[in-house]
């Protein structure tokens, strides 16, 4: 199974609009819809409150080879999302 994250929207007449990348081969897909609750306050999760105590907070603080932690983490996520089941990460 190949997992791809795509962004789209549901129209007023309940149709799903999504742009499928050209490299995605034709075939049957399973669709899982995730939508934020519009009643919840928008929070930028990239910049947690300084008081946030998460076990992973600061794990890259001493790494000198990572100049942009946000870009580094994004690249890691993309590698995971693009891999096929059973294949090692690229």
N, C-alpha and C. Protein backbone atom coordinates (compact mmCIF):
# COMPACT_ATOMS: atom_id res chain seq x y z
N UNK A 1 0.84 -1.18 0.00
CA UNK A 1 0.00 0.00 0.00
C UNK A 1 0.88 1.23 0.00
N UNK A 2 0.52 2.22 -0.79
CA UNK A 2 1.23 3.49 -0.87
C UNK A 2 0.35 4.55 -0.21
N UNK A 3 0.92 5.32 0.70
CA UNK A 3 0.17 6.38 1.36
C UNK A 3 0.61 7.72 0.79
N UNK A 4 -0.34 8.56 0.44
CA UNK A 4 -0.06 9.91 -0.05
C UNK A 4 -0.96 10.86 0.69
N UNK A 5 -0.44 11.98 1.08
CA UNK A 5 -1.25 13.02 1.72
C UNK A 5 -1.59 14.06 0.66
N UNK A 6 -2.89 14.25 0.43
CA UNK A 6 -3.36 15.23 -0.54
C UNK A 6 -4.27 16.21 0.18
N UNK A 7 -4.38 17.40 -0.34
CA UNK A 7 -5.28 18.40 0.22
C UNK A 7 -6.42 18.65 -0.76
N UNK A 8 -7.59 18.83 -0.24
CA UNK A 8 -8.75 19.08 -1.07
C UNK A 8 -9.80 19.83 -0.30
N UNK A 9 -11.00 19.85 -0.85
CA UNK A 9 -12.09 20.51 -0.15
C UNK A 9 -13.40 19.83 -0.53
N UNK A 10 -14.36 19.94 0.36
CA UNK A 10 -15.70 19.43 0.12
C UNK A 10 -16.55 20.64 -0.25
N UNK A 11 -17.26 20.55 -1.37
CA UNK A 11 -18.08 21.66 -1.85
C UNK A 11 -19.43 21.67 -1.12
N UNK A 12 -20.20 22.74 -1.33
CA UNK A 12 -21.51 22.86 -0.69
C UNK A 12 -22.45 21.72 -1.08
N UNK A 13 -22.27 21.18 -2.30
CA UNK A 13 -23.12 20.05 -2.72
C UNK A 13 -22.47 18.70 -2.40
N UNK A 14 -21.54 18.71 -1.43
CA UNK A 14 -20.92 17.51 -0.87
C UNK A 14 -20.07 16.72 -1.88
N UNK A 15 -19.42 17.43 -2.78
CA UNK A 15 -18.51 16.79 -3.72
C UNK A 15 -17.08 17.02 -3.21
N UNK A 16 -16.23 16.04 -3.39
CA UNK A 16 -14.83 16.15 -2.98
C UNK A 16 -14.01 16.64 -4.16
N UNK A 17 -13.28 17.74 -3.95
CA UNK A 17 -12.38 18.26 -4.97
C UNK A 17 -10.95 18.07 -4.48
N UNK A 18 -10.15 17.40 -5.27
CA UNK A 18 -8.76 17.14 -4.90
C UNK A 18 -7.93 17.05 -6.17
N UNK A 19 -6.71 17.53 -6.12
CA UNK A 19 -5.80 17.42 -7.26
C UNK A 19 -4.88 16.25 -7.00
N UNK A 20 -4.89 15.29 -7.90
CA UNK A 20 -4.06 14.09 -7.76
C UNK A 20 -2.76 14.32 -8.53
N UNK A 21 -1.61 14.09 -7.90
CA UNK A 21 -0.33 14.29 -8.57
C UNK A 21 -0.19 13.41 -9.81
N UNK A 22 0.55 13.90 -10.79
CA UNK A 22 0.73 13.18 -12.05
C UNK A 22 1.42 11.84 -11.87
N UNK A 23 2.25 11.70 -10.82
CA UNK A 23 2.98 10.45 -10.65
C UNK A 23 2.15 9.37 -9.95
N UNK A 24 0.91 9.67 -9.60
CA UNK A 24 0.02 8.69 -8.96
C UNK A 24 -0.62 7.84 -10.05
N UNK A 25 -0.40 6.54 -9.98
CA UNK A 25 -0.94 5.65 -11.01
C UNK A 25 -2.45 5.47 -10.83
N UNK A 26 -3.18 5.31 -11.94
CA UNK A 26 -4.62 5.08 -11.84
C UNK A 26 -4.94 3.80 -11.09
N UNK A 27 -6.07 3.77 -10.41
CA UNK A 27 -6.50 2.59 -9.69
C UNK A 27 -7.41 2.97 -8.54
N UNK A 28 -7.89 1.98 -7.84
CA UNK A 28 -8.80 2.18 -6.71
C UNK A 28 -8.00 2.72 -5.53
N UNK A 29 -8.60 3.67 -4.80
CA UNK A 29 -7.97 4.24 -3.61
C UNK A 29 -8.96 4.22 -2.46
N UNK A 30 -8.42 4.23 -1.25
CA UNK A 30 -9.22 4.36 -0.05
C UNK A 30 -9.06 5.79 0.43
N UNK A 31 -10.16 6.44 0.75
CA UNK A 31 -10.11 7.85 1.15
C UNK A 31 -10.53 7.98 2.60
N UNK A 32 -9.70 8.65 3.38
CA UNK A 32 -10.01 8.97 4.77
C UNK A 32 -10.05 10.48 4.86
N UNK A 33 -11.16 11.03 5.27
CA UNK A 33 -11.29 12.48 5.36
C UNK A 33 -11.01 12.95 6.78
N UNK A 34 -10.14 13.93 6.91
CA UNK A 34 -9.82 14.54 8.20
C UNK A 34 -10.12 16.03 8.07
N UNK A 35 -10.86 16.57 9.03
CA UNK A 35 -11.20 17.98 8.97
C UNK A 35 -11.11 18.56 10.37
N UNK A 36 -10.49 19.73 10.48
CA UNK A 36 -10.41 20.40 11.76
C UNK A 36 -11.78 20.93 12.13
N UNK A 37 -12.08 20.93 13.41
CA UNK A 37 -13.33 21.48 13.91
C UNK A 37 -13.24 23.00 13.80
N UNK A 38 -14.08 23.64 12.99
CA UNK A 38 -13.97 25.09 12.81
C UNK A 38 -14.27 25.88 14.09
N UNK A 39 -14.87 25.24 15.07
CA UNK A 39 -15.17 25.92 16.34
C UNK A 39 -13.94 26.03 17.23
N UNK A 40 -12.92 25.23 16.94
CA UNK A 40 -11.72 25.27 17.76
C UNK A 40 -10.84 26.44 17.31
N UNK A 41 -10.15 27.03 18.26
CA UNK A 41 -9.25 28.13 17.97
C UNK A 41 -8.09 27.60 17.14
N UNK A 42 -7.69 28.36 16.12
CA UNK A 42 -6.56 27.97 15.30
C UNK A 42 -5.28 28.16 16.09
N UNK A 43 -4.44 27.12 16.12
CA UNK A 43 -3.18 27.16 16.85
C UNK A 43 -2.09 26.73 15.89
N UNK A 44 -0.99 27.46 15.88
CA UNK A 44 0.15 27.08 15.06
C UNK A 44 0.98 26.08 15.85
N UNK A 45 0.87 24.78 15.51
CA UNK A 45 1.53 23.73 16.27
C UNK A 45 3.03 23.68 16.01
N UNK A 46 3.51 24.45 15.04
CA UNK A 46 4.96 24.47 14.81
C UNK A 46 5.69 25.18 15.94
N UNK A 47 4.96 26.05 16.65
CA UNK A 47 5.58 26.83 17.70
C UNK A 47 4.82 26.64 19.01
N UNK A 48 5.07 25.52 19.70
CA UNK A 48 4.34 25.26 20.94
C UNK A 48 4.70 26.28 22.02
N UNK A 49 3.83 26.38 22.99
CA UNK A 49 4.10 27.26 24.12
C UNK A 49 5.39 26.80 24.80
N UNK A 50 6.22 27.73 25.27
CA UNK A 50 7.48 27.35 25.92
C UNK A 50 7.27 26.41 27.10
N UNK A 51 6.11 26.45 27.72
CA UNK A 51 5.87 25.59 28.88
C UNK A 51 5.48 24.17 28.48
N UNK A 52 5.34 23.91 27.15
CA UNK A 52 4.96 22.58 26.69
C UNK A 52 6.03 21.57 27.07
N UNK A 53 5.64 20.51 27.73
CA UNK A 53 6.58 19.48 28.17
C UNK A 53 6.26 18.19 27.44
N UNK A 54 6.89 17.99 26.32
CA UNK A 54 6.72 16.78 25.53
C UNK A 54 8.05 16.03 25.59
N UNK A 55 8.01 14.69 25.67
CA UNK A 55 9.26 13.92 25.79
C UNK A 55 10.25 14.20 24.65
N UNK A 56 9.75 14.56 23.47
CA UNK A 56 10.65 14.79 22.33
C UNK A 56 11.13 16.23 22.23
N UNK A 57 10.62 17.10 23.09
CA UNK A 57 10.98 18.52 23.02
C UNK A 57 12.48 18.69 23.25
N UNK A 58 13.15 19.29 22.26
CA UNK A 58 14.57 19.58 22.38
C UNK A 58 15.51 18.46 22.02
N UNK A 59 15.02 17.37 21.42
CA UNK A 59 15.92 16.24 21.14
C UNK A 59 16.99 16.57 20.11
N UNK A 60 16.78 17.61 19.29
CA UNK A 60 17.77 17.98 18.29
C UNK A 60 18.57 19.20 18.72
N UNK A 61 18.43 19.64 19.94
CA UNK A 61 19.06 20.88 20.39
C UNK A 61 20.58 20.85 20.25
N UNK A 62 21.20 19.71 20.46
CA UNK A 62 22.66 19.61 20.42
C UNK A 62 23.20 19.20 19.05
N UNK A 63 22.33 19.02 18.07
CA UNK A 63 22.78 18.59 16.74
C UNK A 63 23.28 19.80 15.96
N UNK A 64 24.52 19.74 15.53
CA UNK A 64 25.09 20.86 14.77
C UNK A 64 24.88 20.69 13.26
N UNK A 65 24.47 19.50 12.82
CA UNK A 65 24.27 19.25 11.40
C UNK A 65 22.88 19.66 10.91
N UNK A 66 21.99 20.05 11.80
CA UNK A 66 20.63 20.45 11.43
C UNK A 66 20.52 21.96 11.57
N UNK A 67 20.54 22.66 10.44
CA UNK A 67 20.45 24.12 10.47
C UNK A 67 19.02 24.60 10.60
N UNK A 68 18.07 23.85 9.99
CA UNK A 68 16.66 24.24 9.99
C UNK A 68 15.84 23.04 10.47
N UNK A 69 15.56 22.95 11.77
CA UNK A 69 14.84 21.78 12.30
C UNK A 69 13.48 21.57 11.65
N UNK A 70 12.76 22.64 11.34
CA UNK A 70 11.44 22.52 10.72
C UNK A 70 11.56 21.85 9.35
N UNK A 71 12.52 22.29 8.53
CA UNK A 71 12.72 21.69 7.21
C UNK A 71 13.19 20.24 7.34
N UNK A 72 14.05 19.97 8.32
CA UNK A 72 14.55 18.61 8.54
C UNK A 72 13.40 17.67 8.89
N UNK A 73 12.53 18.09 9.81
CA UNK A 73 11.39 17.26 10.21
C UNK A 73 10.42 17.06 9.05
N UNK A 74 10.20 18.11 8.27
CA UNK A 74 9.30 18.02 7.11
C UNK A 74 9.84 17.00 6.11
N UNK A 75 11.15 17.03 5.85
CA UNK A 75 11.76 16.07 4.93
C UNK A 75 11.62 14.64 5.44
N UNK A 76 11.78 14.44 6.75
CA UNK A 76 11.60 13.11 7.33
C UNK A 76 10.17 12.62 7.11
N UNK A 77 9.19 13.49 7.37
CA UNK A 77 7.78 13.11 7.18
C UNK A 77 7.51 12.75 5.72
N UNK A 78 8.04 13.53 4.80
CA UNK A 78 7.82 13.26 3.37
C UNK A 78 8.40 11.91 2.98
N UNK A 79 9.58 11.58 3.50
CA UNK A 79 10.18 10.28 3.19
C UNK A 79 9.29 9.14 3.69
N UNK A 80 8.74 9.30 4.88
CA UNK A 80 7.88 8.26 5.45
C UNK A 80 6.58 8.15 4.65
N UNK A 81 5.98 9.29 4.29
CA UNK A 81 4.71 9.27 3.57
C UNK A 81 4.83 8.71 2.16
N UNK A 82 6.01 8.79 1.56
CA UNK A 82 6.19 8.35 0.18
C UNK A 82 6.65 6.90 0.06
N UNK A 83 7.02 6.27 1.18
CA UNK A 83 7.54 4.91 1.07
C UNK A 83 6.41 3.90 0.85
N UNK A 84 6.77 2.77 0.31
CA UNK A 84 5.82 1.67 0.10
C UNK A 84 5.98 0.69 1.25
N UNK A 85 4.90 -0.01 1.59
CA UNK A 85 4.96 -0.99 2.67
C UNK A 85 6.09 -1.98 2.43
N UNK A 86 6.87 -2.23 3.47
CA UNK A 86 7.95 -3.21 3.39
C UNK A 86 9.24 -2.68 2.82
N UNK A 87 9.24 -1.48 2.28
CA UNK A 87 10.47 -0.92 1.73
C UNK A 87 11.18 -0.10 2.80
N UNK A 88 12.51 -0.11 2.78
CA UNK A 88 13.23 0.76 3.73
C UNK A 88 13.04 2.22 3.33
N UNK A 89 13.25 3.10 4.27
CA UNK A 89 13.15 4.53 3.97
C UNK A 89 14.23 4.91 2.97
N UNK A 90 13.92 5.83 2.05
CA UNK A 90 14.94 6.27 1.07
C UNK A 90 16.06 7.05 1.76
